[in-house]
Amino acid sequence: MITTNKVTSTSDLSVIKKYIKNINVTDSNDIISPRLSKSKSYLRILGILYFIEDMNIPITLDIIKKMLQSTYIFNDVILASRPCIIKAFLRSDIAII
């Protein structure tokens, strides 16, 4: 395992592989192929109103995306999939995204 101080891209993998093979401590036959981790994480947003300001219309994905883009906390966040909007409880007016 190699730890870097920056986010590694797939183009960096060949450089890492060459570097590891040149280290005398490592047997080059032990190196199959470098790969990036496949970990996943998720973001849960609580306390958003499910209905748009007393109009009894459910909140939409477009509104959520605009809200995320306009908030400084999410400046560097890239969504890997569509957000899912659900009610917190059946008779609640609060959404979980």
Protein backbone atom coordinates (compact mmCIF):
# COMPACT_ATOMS: atom_id res chain seq x y z
CA MET A 1 0.00 0.00 0.00
CA ILE A 2 1.25 3.48 -0.88
CA THR A 3 0.02 6.68 0.74
CA THR A 4 0.24 9.96 -1.15
CA ASN A 5 -0.43 13.53 -0.11
CA LYS A 6 -2.69 14.16 -3.12
CA VAL A 7 -5.56 12.45 -4.86
CA THR A 8 -4.16 9.81 -7.18
CA SER A 9 -5.44 9.51 -10.72
CA THR A 10 -5.29 6.48 -12.97
CA SER A 11 -2.48 8.09 -14.98
CA ASP A 12 -0.32 8.07 -11.83
CA LEU A 13 -0.62 4.30 -11.51
CA SER A 14 2.08 3.54 -14.10
CA VAL A 15 4.50 5.89 -12.34
CA ILE A 16 3.77 4.18 -9.02
CA LYS A 17 4.24 0.72 -10.56
CA LYS A 18 7.62 1.68 -12.08
CA TYR A 19 8.76 3.18 -8.79
CA ILE A 20 7.83 0.08 -6.81
CA LYS A 21 9.54 -2.25 -9.28
CA ASN A 22 12.77 -0.25 -8.93
CA ILE A 23 12.87 -0.69 -5.15
CA ASN A 24 15.32 -3.46 -4.31
CA VAL A 25 13.35 -4.55 -1.25
CA THR A 26 10.37 -5.66 -3.35
CA ASP A 27 10.20 -8.68 -5.63
CA SER A 28 8.76 -7.39 -8.91
CA ASN A 29 6.88 -10.69 -9.39
CA ASP A 30 4.75 -9.83 -6.34
CA ILE A 31 3.32 -6.75 -8.07
CA ILE A 32 0.29 -7.78 -10.08
CA SER A 33 -1.09 -4.37 -11.04
CA PRO A 34 -1.66 -1.14 -9.16
CA ARG A 35 -5.24 -0.01 -8.74
CA LEU A 36 -7.17 2.72 -7.02
CA SER A 37 -9.42 1.87 -4.12
CA LYS A 38 -13.08 1.33 -4.82
CA SER A 39 -14.42 2.74 -1.59
CA LYS A 40 -17.75 4.49 -1.59
CA SER A 41 -19.15 7.09 0.72
CA TYR A 42 -22.42 8.90 0.92
CA LEU A 43 -23.78 12.20 2.11
CA ARG A 44 -27.02 12.43 4.06
CA ILE A 45 -28.73 15.79 4.39
CA LEU A 46 -31.38 16.05 7.09
CA GLY A 47 -33.93 18.72 7.92
CA ILE A 48 -34.89 19.91 4.43
CA LEU A 49 -38.58 20.70 3.90
CA TYR A 50 -40.20 18.07 1.70
CA PHE A 51 -42.78 20.48 0.30
CA ILE A 52 -41.96 23.78 -1.43
CA GLU A 53 -43.04 26.72 0.76
CA ASP A 54 -46.69 25.89 1.51
CA MET A 55 -47.47 24.91 -2.09
CA ASN A 56 -47.88 21.21 -1.30
CA ILE A 57 -45.50 20.39 -4.18
CA PRO A 58 -42.67 17.98 -3.32
CA ILE A 59 -39.10 19.27 -3.62
CA THR A 60 -37.35 18.28 -6.87
CA LEU A 61 -33.84 17.14 -7.76
CA ASP A 62 -33.21 20.40 -9.65
CA ILE A 63 -33.89 22.40 -6.50
CA ILE A 64 -31.58 20.15 -4.49
CA LYS A 65 -28.77 20.48 -7.06
CA LYS A 66 -29.10 24.29 -7.09
CA MET A 67 -29.09 24.33 -3.29
CA LEU A 68 -25.91 22.23 -3.18
CA GLN A 69 -24.17 24.44 -5.77
CA SER A 70 -25.06 27.63 -3.91
CA THR A 71 -23.72 26.46 -0.53
CA TYR A 72 -19.99 26.92 0.14
CA ILE A 73 -19.79 23.65 2.09
CA PHE A 74 -20.38 21.71 -1.13
CA ASN A 75 -17.91 23.65 -3.35
CA ASP A 76 -15.62 20.67 -3.90
CA VAL A 77 -18.25 17.93 -3.74
CA ILE A 78 -18.92 16.00 -6.94
CA LEU A 79 -22.02 13.83 -6.95
CA ALA A 80 -21.39 10.36 -8.37
CA SER A 81 -25.10 9.60 -8.67
CA ARG A 82 -28.47 11.29 -8.50
CA PRO A 83 -29.61 12.37 -5.05
CA CYS A 84 -32.52 10.42 -3.62
CA ILE A 85 -35.24 12.39 -1.84
CA ILE A 86 -37.38 10.59 0.73
CA LYS A 87 -39.67 11.71 3.54
CA ALA A 88 -38.26 11.30 7.02
CA PHE A 89 -41.56 9.76 8.18
CA LEU A 90 -44.78 8.97 6.38
CA ARG A 91 -46.67 11.99 7.77
CA SER A 92 -43.67 14.28 8.04
CA ASP A 93 -42.91 17.44 6.07
CA ILE A 94 -39.13 16.91 6.41
CA ALA A 95 -37.01 15.22 3.74
CA ILE A 96 -33.83 13.18 3.88
CA ILE A 97 -31.57 13.55 0.85
